[in-house]
Amino acid sequence: MLWLGTESCALGPYRADLVETYWRWEQDPALLVGYGRQQPESLEARTEGMAHQLRGDNIRFTVYDLATGSPVPAGVATLLPDPSVRTAEYVVMLAEARGRGLGTAATRLVLDYAFHITNLRMVWLKVLAPNKAGLRAYEKAGFRTAGTLREAGYWLGAVCDEILMDTLAGDFTGPSVIRA
């Protein structure tokens, strides 16, 4: 089941039957570096966490790559809303499909959902400063740098800054698959 999509990317439900796939992606050293995490997680712990996530108030999506014509799970995107101020933190994790524009496409779809269905007024994120590909993808999707948390993260064993980025509903320009 796909909720929103373009020719190259779609969003669908976060699925319990994909817990092993999500877990496998999360063990990729490149993703561990990007998230600043320092240790892998057991499948048992991930399965337990999945049950908690499915009951929570966060808005979670499976990201699908449509490049081959049929939907292939390629990542996860999450909005962590703060309903009292109508904002949300954005987190995305892409697996094998990195480097082809899927991150930008998925982020634009999540923002479209955030601003036109959830009626958020602002979405923000944190990205480690050395993650240049991530920074570019977020900027292409409409995020702007809002500030820096100095020496707040780690990248390949070295202390690094975390960049805060945000985007407002009024900043969301270009095509909307929801309004269409």
N, C-alpha and C. Protein backbone atom coordinates (compact mmCIF):
# COMPACT_ATOMS: atom_id res chain seq x y z
N MET A 1 0.85 -1.17 0.00
CA MET A 1 0.00 0.00 0.00
C MET A 1 0.89 1.24 0.00
N LEU A 2 0.68 2.12 -0.96
CA LEU A 2 1.42 3.36 -1.05
C LEU A 2 0.47 4.52 -0.83
N TRP A 3 0.88 5.48 0.02
CA TRP A 3 0.02 6.60 0.34
C TRP A 3 0.25 7.78 -0.58
N LEU A 4 1.52 8.16 -0.76
CA LEU A 4 1.89 9.31 -1.58
C LEU A 4 3.05 8.92 -2.44
N GLY A 5 3.13 9.48 -3.64
CA GLY A 5 4.28 9.13 -4.45
C GLY A 5 4.48 10.02 -5.65
N THR A 6 5.67 9.89 -6.20
CA THR A 6 6.05 10.52 -7.45
C THR A 6 6.45 9.39 -8.39
N GLU A 7 7.08 9.70 -9.48
CA GLU A 7 7.54 8.66 -10.39
C GLU A 7 8.69 7.83 -9.80
N SER A 8 9.48 8.44 -8.90
CA SER A 8 10.68 7.75 -8.40
C SER A 8 10.58 7.29 -6.96
N CYS A 9 9.62 7.81 -6.19
CA CYS A 9 9.60 7.57 -4.75
C CYS A 9 8.16 7.56 -4.24
N ALA A 10 7.92 6.76 -3.21
CA ALA A 10 6.60 6.73 -2.58
C ALA A 10 6.75 6.52 -1.08
N LEU A 11 5.71 6.90 -0.35
CA LEU A 11 5.63 6.66 1.08
C LEU A 11 4.47 5.71 1.34
N GLY A 12 4.71 4.77 2.23
CA GLY A 12 3.67 3.85 2.65
C GLY A 12 3.73 3.67 4.14
N PRO A 13 2.92 2.78 4.69
CA PRO A 13 2.88 2.59 6.14
C PRO A 13 4.17 1.97 6.68
N TYR A 14 4.45 2.29 7.91
CA TYR A 14 5.52 1.66 8.68
C TYR A 14 5.00 0.27 9.02
N ARG A 15 5.77 -0.78 8.71
CA ARG A 15 5.22 -2.13 8.73
C ARG A 15 5.98 -3.06 9.66
N ALA A 16 5.24 -3.72 10.54
CA ALA A 16 5.83 -4.68 11.47
C ALA A 16 6.47 -5.85 10.73
N ASP A 17 5.93 -6.24 9.57
CA ASP A 17 6.50 -7.36 8.83
C ASP A 17 7.86 -7.02 8.20
N LEU A 18 8.26 -5.75 8.25
CA LEU A 18 9.57 -5.34 7.71
C LEU A 18 10.60 -5.11 8.82
N VAL A 19 10.31 -5.50 10.06
CA VAL A 19 11.22 -5.22 11.16
C VAL A 19 12.63 -5.76 10.90
N GLU A 20 12.75 -6.95 10.33
CA GLU A 20 14.09 -7.49 10.06
C GLU A 20 14.81 -6.68 8.99
N THR A 21 14.08 -6.18 8.02
CA THR A 21 14.67 -5.33 6.98
C THR A 21 15.14 -4.02 7.59
N TYR A 22 14.29 -3.37 8.39
CA TYR A 22 14.67 -2.12 9.05
C TYR A 22 15.91 -2.36 9.92
N TRP A 23 15.90 -3.45 10.67
CA TRP A 23 17.01 -3.78 11.57
C TRP A 23 18.31 -3.96 10.76
N ARG A 24 18.23 -4.69 9.64
CA ARG A 24 19.42 -4.91 8.80
C ARG A 24 19.98 -3.58 8.31
N TRP A 25 19.12 -2.68 7.85
CA TRP A 25 19.58 -1.37 7.40
C TRP A 25 20.29 -0.63 8.53
N GLU A 26 19.71 -0.69 9.72
CA GLU A 26 20.24 0.06 10.86
C GLU A 26 21.59 -0.46 11.35
N GLN A 27 22.01 -1.63 10.88
CA GLN A 27 23.31 -2.17 11.27
C GLN A 27 24.41 -1.76 10.29
N ASP A 28 24.05 -1.12 9.20
CA ASP A 28 25.01 -0.66 8.19
C ASP A 28 25.93 0.38 8.83
N PRO A 29 27.25 0.16 8.81
CA PRO A 29 28.17 1.12 9.42
C PRO A 29 28.00 2.55 8.91
N ALA A 30 27.65 2.73 7.64
CA ALA A 30 27.45 4.07 7.10
C ALA A 30 26.28 4.77 7.80
N LEU A 31 25.25 4.01 8.13
CA LEU A 31 24.12 4.60 8.85
C LEU A 31 24.47 4.85 10.31
N LEU A 32 25.23 3.95 10.91
CA LEU A 32 25.66 4.17 12.29
C LEU A 32 26.46 5.46 12.39
N VAL A 33 27.33 5.71 11.43
CA VAL A 33 28.13 6.95 11.41
C VAL A 33 27.22 8.16 11.25
N GLY A 34 26.28 8.09 10.32
CA GLY A 34 25.39 9.22 10.04
C GLY A 34 24.50 9.60 11.20
N TYR A 35 24.14 8.62 12.01
CA TYR A 35 23.29 8.89 13.17
C TYR A 35 24.09 9.16 14.42
N GLY A 36 25.40 8.98 14.36
CA GLY A 36 26.22 9.20 15.54
C GLY A 36 26.08 8.08 16.56
N ARG A 37 25.40 7.01 16.18
CA ARG A 37 25.26 5.85 17.08
C ARG A 37 26.57 5.11 17.14
N GLN A 38 26.87 4.50 18.27
CA GLN A 38 28.16 3.85 18.42
C GLN A 38 28.08 2.34 18.57
N GLN A 39 26.88 1.78 18.58
CA GLN A 39 26.79 0.34 18.74
C GLN A 39 25.61 -0.21 17.96
N PRO A 40 25.73 -1.44 17.49
CA PRO A 40 24.61 -2.08 16.81
C PRO A 40 23.56 -2.51 17.85
N GLU A 41 22.40 -2.90 17.35
CA GLU A 41 21.30 -3.32 18.20
C GLU A 41 20.91 -4.74 17.82
N SER A 42 20.49 -5.54 18.79
CA SER A 42 20.07 -6.90 18.50
C SER A 42 18.70 -6.88 17.81
N LEU A 43 18.43 -7.93 17.04
CA LEU A 43 17.13 -8.05 16.40
C LEU A 43 16.02 -8.12 17.44
N GLU A 44 16.28 -8.78 18.56
CA GLU A 44 15.28 -8.88 19.62
C GLU A 44 14.92 -7.50 20.17
N ALA A 45 15.95 -6.69 20.42
CA ALA A 45 15.70 -5.34 20.93
C ALA A 45 14.96 -4.50 19.89
N ARG A 46 15.33 -4.67 18.62
CA ARG A 46 14.66 -3.90 17.54
C ARG A 46 13.20 -4.31 17.42
N THR A 47 12.91 -5.60 17.54
CA THR A 47 11.54 -6.09 17.46
C THR A 47 10.71 -5.54 18.61
N GLU A 48 11.28 -5.52 19.80
CA GLU A 48 10.59 -4.93 20.96
C GLU A 48 10.36 -3.43 20.74
N GLY A 49 11.36 -2.75 20.21
CA GLY A 49 11.23 -1.33 19.92
C GLY A 49 10.17 -1.05 18.87
N MET A 50 10.07 -1.94 17.88
CA MET A 50 9.07 -1.79 16.82
C MET A 50 7.66 -1.81 17.40
N ALA A 51 7.40 -2.71 18.34
CA ALA A 51 6.08 -2.79 18.95
C ALA A 51 5.74 -1.47 19.65
N HIS A 52 6.70 -0.90 20.33
CA HIS A 52 6.50 0.39 21.00
C HIS A 52 6.27 1.50 19.97
N GLN A 53 7.04 1.50 18.88
CA GLN A 53 6.91 2.52 17.85
C GLN A 53 5.54 2.48 17.19
N LEU A 54 5.02 1.30 16.96
CA LEU A 54 3.72 1.17 16.31
C LEU A 54 2.58 1.70 17.19
N ARG A 55 2.78 1.72 18.50
CA ARG A 55 1.76 2.24 19.42
C ARG A 55 1.92 3.74 19.68
N GLY A 56 3.03 4.32 19.27
CA GLY A 56 3.34 5.71 19.60
C GLY A 56 2.61 6.73 18.75
N ASP A 57 2.85 8.00 19.08
CA ASP A 57 2.20 9.11 18.40
C ASP A 57 3.01 9.66 17.24
N ASN A 58 4.20 9.13 17.01
CA ASN A 58 5.02 9.62 15.91
C ASN A 58 4.44 9.17 14.58
N ILE A 59 4.73 9.92 13.53
CA ILE A 59 4.22 9.63 12.19
C ILE A 59 5.36 8.97 11.43
N ARG A 60 5.19 7.69 11.11
CA ARG A 60 6.27 6.91 10.50
C ARG A 60 5.85 6.40 9.12
N PHE A 61 6.81 6.40 8.21
CA PHE A 61 6.59 5.95 6.84
C PHE A 61 7.68 4.96 6.43
N THR A 62 7.34 4.04 5.58
CA THR A 62 8.33 3.28 4.83
C THR A 62 8.52 4.04 3.53
N VAL A 63 9.78 4.27 3.16
CA VAL A 63 10.12 4.94 1.90
C VAL A 63 10.33 3.85 0.85
N TYR A 64 9.70 4.01 -0.30
CA TYR A 64 9.82 3.04 -1.39
C TYR A 64 10.53 3.66 -2.58
N ASP A 65 11.45 2.90 -3.15
CA ASP A 65 12.13 3.27 -4.38
C ASP A 65 11.30 2.70 -5.53
N LEU A 66 10.91 3.55 -6.47
CA LEU A 66 10.10 3.11 -7.61
C LEU A 66 10.90 3.05 -8.91
N ALA A 67 12.23 3.13 -8.82
CA ALA A 67 13.09 3.18 -10.02
C ALA A 67 12.92 1.95 -10.90
N THR A 68 12.64 0.79 -10.31
CA THR A 68 12.51 -0.43 -11.10
C THR A 68 11.09 -0.67 -11.57
N GLY A 69 10.18 0.22 -11.22
CA GLY A 69 8.79 0.06 -11.61
C GLY A 69 7.92 -0.47 -10.49
N SER A 70 8.41 -1.46 -9.76
CA SER A 70 7.65 -1.97 -8.62
C SER A 70 8.24 -1.42 -7.33
N PRO A 71 7.42 -1.17 -6.33
CA PRO A 71 7.90 -0.57 -5.08
C PRO A 71 8.87 -1.49 -4.33
N VAL A 72 10.03 -0.94 -3.98
CA VAL A 72 11.04 -1.67 -3.20
C VAL A 72 11.30 -0.86 -1.94
N PRO A 73 11.09 -1.45 -0.75
CA PRO A 73 11.40 -0.70 0.48
C PRO A 73 12.85 -0.23 0.46
N ALA A 74 13.05 1.06 0.77
CA ALA A 74 14.39 1.65 0.66
C ALA A 74 14.78 2.46 1.89
N GLY A 75 13.87 2.65 2.83
CA GLY A 75 14.20 3.44 4.00
C GLY A 75 12.99 3.73 4.85
N VAL A 76 13.22 4.54 5.87
CA VAL A 76 12.18 4.91 6.82
C VAL A 76 12.27 6.42 7.04
N ALA A 77 11.12 7.08 7.15
CA ALA A 77 11.07 8.50 7.48
C ALA A 77 10.09 8.68 8.64
N THR A 78 10.43 9.59 9.54
CA THR A 78 9.63 9.78 10.74
C THR A 78 9.46 11.26 11.05
N LEU A 79 8.26 11.63 11.45
CA LEU A 79 7.98 12.94 12.02
C LEU A 79 7.68 12.72 13.50
N LEU A 80 8.39 13.45 14.36
CA LEU A 80 8.17 13.38 15.80
C LEU A 80 7.48 14.68 16.21
N PRO A 81 6.14 14.68 16.21
CA PRO A 81 5.40 15.94 16.39
C PRO A 81 5.36 16.43 17.83
N ASP A 82 5.26 17.75 17.95
CA ASP A 82 4.98 18.42 19.21
C ASP A 82 3.66 19.16 18.97
N PRO A 83 2.53 18.50 19.26
CA PRO A 83 1.22 19.07 18.92
C PRO A 83 0.93 20.42 19.56
N SER A 84 1.52 20.69 20.71
CA SER A 84 1.23 21.94 21.40
C SER A 84 1.72 23.16 20.62
N VAL A 85 2.73 22.99 19.77
CA VAL A 85 3.23 24.12 18.98
C VAL A 85 3.18 23.85 17.48
N ARG A 86 2.58 22.71 17.07
CA ARG A 86 2.38 22.34 15.66
C ARG A 86 3.70 22.30 14.88
N THR A 87 4.72 21.69 15.50
CA THR A 87 6.00 21.49 14.84
C THR A 87 6.36 20.01 14.96
N ALA A 88 7.40 19.59 14.24
CA ALA A 88 7.87 18.22 14.34
C ALA A 88 9.34 18.14 13.97
N GLU A 89 10.03 17.21 14.61
CA GLU A 89 11.39 16.87 14.20
C GLU A 89 11.28 15.82 13.10
N TYR A 90 12.17 15.90 12.13
CA TYR A 90 12.19 14.97 11.00
C TYR A 90 13.44 14.10 11.08
N VAL A 91 13.25 12.81 10.86
CA VAL A 91 14.36 11.86 10.83
C VAL A 91 14.14 10.96 9.62
N VAL A 92 15.19 10.72 8.84
CA VAL A 92 15.09 9.82 7.70
C VAL A 92 16.29 8.89 7.69
N MET A 93 16.06 7.66 7.26
CA MET A 93 17.13 6.69 7.12
C MET A 93 16.93 5.99 5.77
N LEU A 94 17.91 6.13 4.90
CA LEU A 94 17.85 5.43 3.62
C LEU A 94 18.86 4.29 3.63
N ALA A 95 18.49 3.21 2.98
CA ALA A 95 19.37 2.04 2.94
C ALA A 95 20.21 2.06 1.67
N GLU A 96 20.08 1.03 0.88
CA GLU A 96 20.92 0.85 -0.30
C GLU A 96 20.70 1.89 -1.40
N ALA A 97 19.63 2.66 -1.34
CA ALA A 97 19.26 3.57 -2.42
C ALA A 97 19.89 4.95 -2.30
N ARG A 98 20.91 5.11 -1.50
CA ARG A 98 21.52 6.44 -1.33
C ARG A 98 22.24 6.88 -2.60
N GLY A 99 22.29 8.21 -2.78
CA GLY A 99 23.06 8.78 -3.88
C GLY A 99 22.31 8.94 -5.18
N ARG A 100 21.00 8.72 -5.19
CA ARG A 100 20.22 8.84 -6.43
C ARG A 100 19.08 9.84 -6.33
N GLY A 101 19.08 10.69 -5.29
CA GLY A 101 18.03 11.69 -5.14
C GLY A 101 16.81 11.21 -4.38
N LEU A 102 16.84 9.97 -3.91
CA LEU A 102 15.69 9.44 -3.19
C LEU A 102 15.47 10.16 -1.86
N GLY A 103 16.54 10.57 -1.20
CA GLY A 103 16.42 11.29 0.07
C GLY A 103 15.69 12.60 -0.09
N THR A 104 16.02 13.34 -1.14
CA THR A 104 15.34 14.61 -1.41
C THR A 104 13.88 14.35 -1.74
N ALA A 105 13.61 13.36 -2.60
CA ALA A 105 12.23 13.06 -2.99
C ALA A 105 11.40 12.62 -1.79
N ALA A 106 11.94 11.74 -0.96
CA ALA A 106 11.22 11.26 0.23
C ALA A 106 10.96 12.41 1.19
N THR A 107 11.96 13.27 1.38
CA THR A 107 11.81 14.40 2.30
C THR A 107 10.73 15.35 1.80
N ARG A 108 10.69 15.62 0.51
CA ARG A 108 9.64 16.49 -0.04
C ARG A 108 8.25 15.88 0.18
N LEU A 109 8.13 14.56 0.01
CA LEU A 109 6.84 13.90 0.23
C LEU A 109 6.42 14.00 1.71
N VAL A 110 7.37 13.79 2.61
CA VAL A 110 7.06 13.89 4.04
C VAL A 110 6.65 15.32 4.39
N LEU A 111 7.35 16.31 3.83
CA LEU A 111 6.98 17.70 4.09
C LEU A 111 5.59 18.01 3.52
N ASP A 112 5.29 17.50 2.36
CA ASP A 112 3.97 17.67 1.76
C ASP A 112 2.91 17.13 2.73
N TYR A 113 3.13 15.95 3.25
CA TYR A 113 2.23 15.34 4.23
C TYR A 113 2.15 16.19 5.50
N ALA A 114 3.31 16.61 6.00
CA ALA A 114 3.38 17.38 7.24
C ALA A 114 2.59 18.68 7.14
N PHE A 115 2.72 19.38 6.03
CA PHE A 115 2.11 20.69 5.90
C PHE A 115 0.67 20.64 5.39
N HIS A 116 0.30 19.62 4.61
CA HIS A 116 -1.02 19.60 3.99
C HIS A 116 -1.98 18.59 4.60
N ILE A 117 -1.50 17.65 5.38
CA ILE A 117 -2.39 16.69 6.04
C ILE A 117 -2.32 16.88 7.56
N THR A 118 -1.12 16.91 8.11
CA THR A 118 -0.95 17.05 9.56
C THR A 118 -1.07 18.52 9.99
N ASN A 119 -0.99 19.43 9.04
CA ASN A 119 -1.12 20.87 9.30
C ASN A 119 -0.08 21.40 10.27
N LEU A 120 1.15 20.90 10.14
CA LEU A 120 2.24 21.45 10.94
C LEU A 120 2.62 22.81 10.37
N ARG A 121 3.23 23.64 11.19
CA ARG A 121 3.67 24.96 10.70
C ARG A 121 5.16 25.01 10.48
N MET A 122 5.90 24.05 11.11
CA MET A 122 7.36 24.02 10.97
C MET A 122 7.85 22.60 11.20
N VAL A 123 8.87 22.22 10.43
CA VAL A 123 9.55 20.93 10.60
C VAL A 123 11.03 21.23 10.72
N TRP A 124 11.70 20.55 11.64
CA TRP A 124 13.13 20.79 11.86
C TRP A 124 13.86 19.45 11.92
N LEU A 125 15.18 19.53 11.80
CA LEU A 125 16.01 18.34 11.87
C LEU A 125 17.40 18.70 12.36
N LYS A 126 18.16 17.68 12.72
CA LYS A 126 19.57 17.83 13.04
C LYS A 126 20.34 16.91 12.11
N VAL A 127 21.47 17.39 11.60
CA VAL A 127 22.33 16.58 10.73
C VAL A 127 23.77 16.85 11.14
N LEU A 128 24.57 15.80 11.17
CA LEU A 128 25.99 15.97 11.51
C LEU A 128 26.68 16.76 10.40
N ALA A 129 27.48 17.73 10.78
CA ALA A 129 28.11 18.65 9.82
C ALA A 129 28.91 17.95 8.71
N PRO A 130 29.64 16.87 8.99
CA PRO A 130 30.38 16.23 7.90
C PRO A 130 29.50 15.49 6.88
N ASN A 131 28.22 15.33 7.16
CA ASN A 131 27.32 14.62 6.26
C ASN A 131 26.88 15.56 5.13
N LYS A 132 27.79 15.81 4.22
CA LYS A 132 27.55 16.77 3.12
C LYS A 132 26.41 16.34 2.21
N ALA A 133 26.31 15.04 1.92
CA ALA A 133 25.22 14.56 1.05
C ALA A 133 23.87 14.80 1.71
N GLY A 134 23.77 14.56 3.01
CA GLY A 134 22.54 14.81 3.73
C GLY A 134 22.18 16.28 3.73
N LEU A 135 23.16 17.13 4.00
CA LEU A 135 22.92 18.58 3.99
C LEU A 135 22.38 19.03 2.63
N ARG A 136 23.00 18.56 1.54
CA ARG A 136 22.54 18.94 0.19
C ARG A 136 21.11 18.46 -0.06
N ALA A 137 20.81 17.22 0.33
CA ALA A 137 19.47 16.67 0.11
C ALA A 137 18.42 17.48 0.87
N TYR A 138 18.72 17.83 2.12
CA TYR A 138 17.76 18.61 2.91
C TYR A 138 17.57 20.01 2.33
N GLU A 139 18.66 20.63 1.88
CA GLU A 139 18.54 21.96 1.26
C GLU A 139 17.69 21.89 -0.01
N LYS A 140 17.91 20.87 -0.84
CA LYS A 140 17.12 20.71 -2.07
C LYS A 140 15.64 20.51 -1.76
N ALA A 141 15.36 19.87 -0.61
CA ALA A 141 13.97 19.61 -0.22
C ALA A 141 13.31 20.84 0.39
N GLY A 142 14.09 21.87 0.74
CA GLY A 142 13.52 23.10 1.25
C GLY A 142 13.95 23.51 2.65
N PHE A 143 14.82 22.74 3.28
CA PHE A 143 15.29 23.11 4.62
C PHE A 143 16.36 24.20 4.52
N ARG A 144 16.44 25.02 5.57
CA ARG A 144 17.47 26.06 5.68
C ARG A 144 18.22 25.86 7.00
N THR A 145 19.47 26.25 7.01
CA THR A 145 20.25 26.18 8.25
C THR A 145 19.69 27.17 9.25
N ALA A 146 19.43 26.68 10.48
CA ALA A 146 18.88 27.52 11.54
C ALA A 146 19.91 27.77 12.64
N GLY A 147 20.93 26.95 12.72
CA GLY A 147 21.94 27.12 13.76
C GLY A 147 22.86 25.93 13.84
N THR A 148 23.77 25.98 14.80
CA THR A 148 24.76 24.93 14.98
C THR A 148 24.86 24.57 16.45
N LEU A 149 24.85 23.28 16.73
CA LEU A 149 25.15 22.78 18.06
C LEU A 149 26.62 22.37 18.02
N ARG A 150 27.46 23.17 18.62
CA ARG A 150 28.90 22.95 18.51
C ARG A 150 29.33 21.70 19.26
N GLU A 151 30.13 20.88 18.57
CA GLU A 151 30.71 19.65 19.12
C GLU A 151 29.65 18.75 19.76
N ALA A 152 28.47 18.69 19.16
CA ALA A 152 27.37 17.90 19.72
C ALA A 152 27.32 16.47 19.21
N GLY A 153 28.12 16.13 18.20
CA GLY A 153 28.06 14.79 17.62
C GLY A 153 29.43 14.20 17.38
N TYR A 154 29.39 12.99 16.81
CA TYR A 154 30.62 12.28 16.43
C TYR A 154 30.48 11.80 15.00
N TRP A 155 31.57 11.89 14.26
CA TRP A 155 31.62 11.38 12.88
C TRP A 155 32.95 10.66 12.72
N LEU A 156 32.91 9.38 12.46
CA LEU A 156 34.11 8.55 12.28
C LEU A 156 35.09 8.72 13.45
N GLY A 157 34.54 8.74 14.65
CA GLY A 157 35.36 8.81 15.85
C GLY A 157 35.83 10.20 16.25
N ALA A 158 35.49 11.21 15.47
CA ALA A 158 35.91 12.58 15.78
C ALA A 158 34.69 13.42 16.17
N VAL A 159 34.88 14.31 17.12
CA VAL A 159 33.83 15.23 17.53
C VAL A 159 33.49 16.14 16.34
N CYS A 160 32.19 16.41 16.17
CA CYS A 160 31.77 17.32 15.09
C CYS A 160 30.55 18.10 15.54
N ASP A 161 30.24 19.13 14.78
CA ASP A 161 29.06 19.94 15.04
C ASP A 161 27.82 19.24 14.49
N GLU A 162 26.68 19.59 15.05
CA GLU A 162 25.39 19.20 14.49
C GLU A 162 24.75 20.47 13.95
N ILE A 163 24.24 20.38 12.75
CA ILE A 163 23.58 21.51 12.10
C ILE A 163 22.08 21.36 12.32
N LEU A 164 21.45 22.44 12.81
CA LEU A 164 19.99 22.49 12.92
C LEU A 164 19.46 23.11 11.65
N MET A 165 18.43 22.47 11.08
CA MET A 165 17.80 23.00 9.88
C MET A 165 16.30 23.01 10.11
N ASP A 166 15.60 23.93 9.45
CA ASP A 166 14.15 23.97 9.56
C ASP A 166 13.53 24.43 8.26
N THR A 167 12.24 24.22 8.16
CA THR A 167 11.46 24.71 7.04
C THR A 167 10.05 24.99 7.54
N LEU A 168 9.46 26.05 7.01
CA LEU A 168 8.12 26.46 7.40
C LEU A 168 7.12 26.05 6.33
N ALA A 169 5.86 25.94 6.73
CA ALA A 169 4.82 25.59 5.76
C ALA A 169 4.83 26.57 4.59
N GLY A 170 5.04 27.86 4.87
CA GLY A 170 5.09 28.86 3.82
C GLY A 170 6.28 28.74 2.88
N ASP A 171 7.31 28.03 3.33
CA ASP A 171 8.49 27.80 2.50
C ASP A 171 8.29 26.67 1.49
N PHE A 172 7.26 25.85 1.71
CA PHE A 172 7.05 24.67 0.86
C PHE A 172 6.52 25.11 -0.48
N THR A 173 7.40 25.09 -1.47
CA THR A 173 7.03 25.52 -2.82
C THR A 173 7.18 24.35 -3.78
N GLY A 174 6.73 24.54 -4.96
CA GLY A 174 6.84 23.49 -5.96
C GLY A 174 5.62 22.60 -5.92
N PRO A 175 5.69 21.50 -6.66
CA PRO A 175 4.51 20.64 -6.77
C PRO A 175 4.17 19.93 -5.45
N SER A 176 2.87 19.80 -5.20
CA SER A 176 2.37 19.06 -4.06
C SER A 176 1.56 17.89 -4.61
N VAL A 177 1.91 16.67 -4.23
CA VAL A 177 1.12 15.52 -4.69
C VAL A 177 -0.22 15.47 -3.97
N ILE A 178 -0.30 16.10 -2.81
CA ILE A 178 -1.55 16.10 -2.06
C ILE A 178 -2.54 17.12 -2.68
N ARG A 179 -2.05 18.31 -2.95
CA ARG A 179 -2.94 19.33 -3.53
C ARG A 179 -3.34 18.98 -4.96
N ALA A 180 -2.51 18.21 -5.64
CA ALA A 180 -2.83 17.81 -7.01
C ALA A 180 -4.02 16.85 -6.98
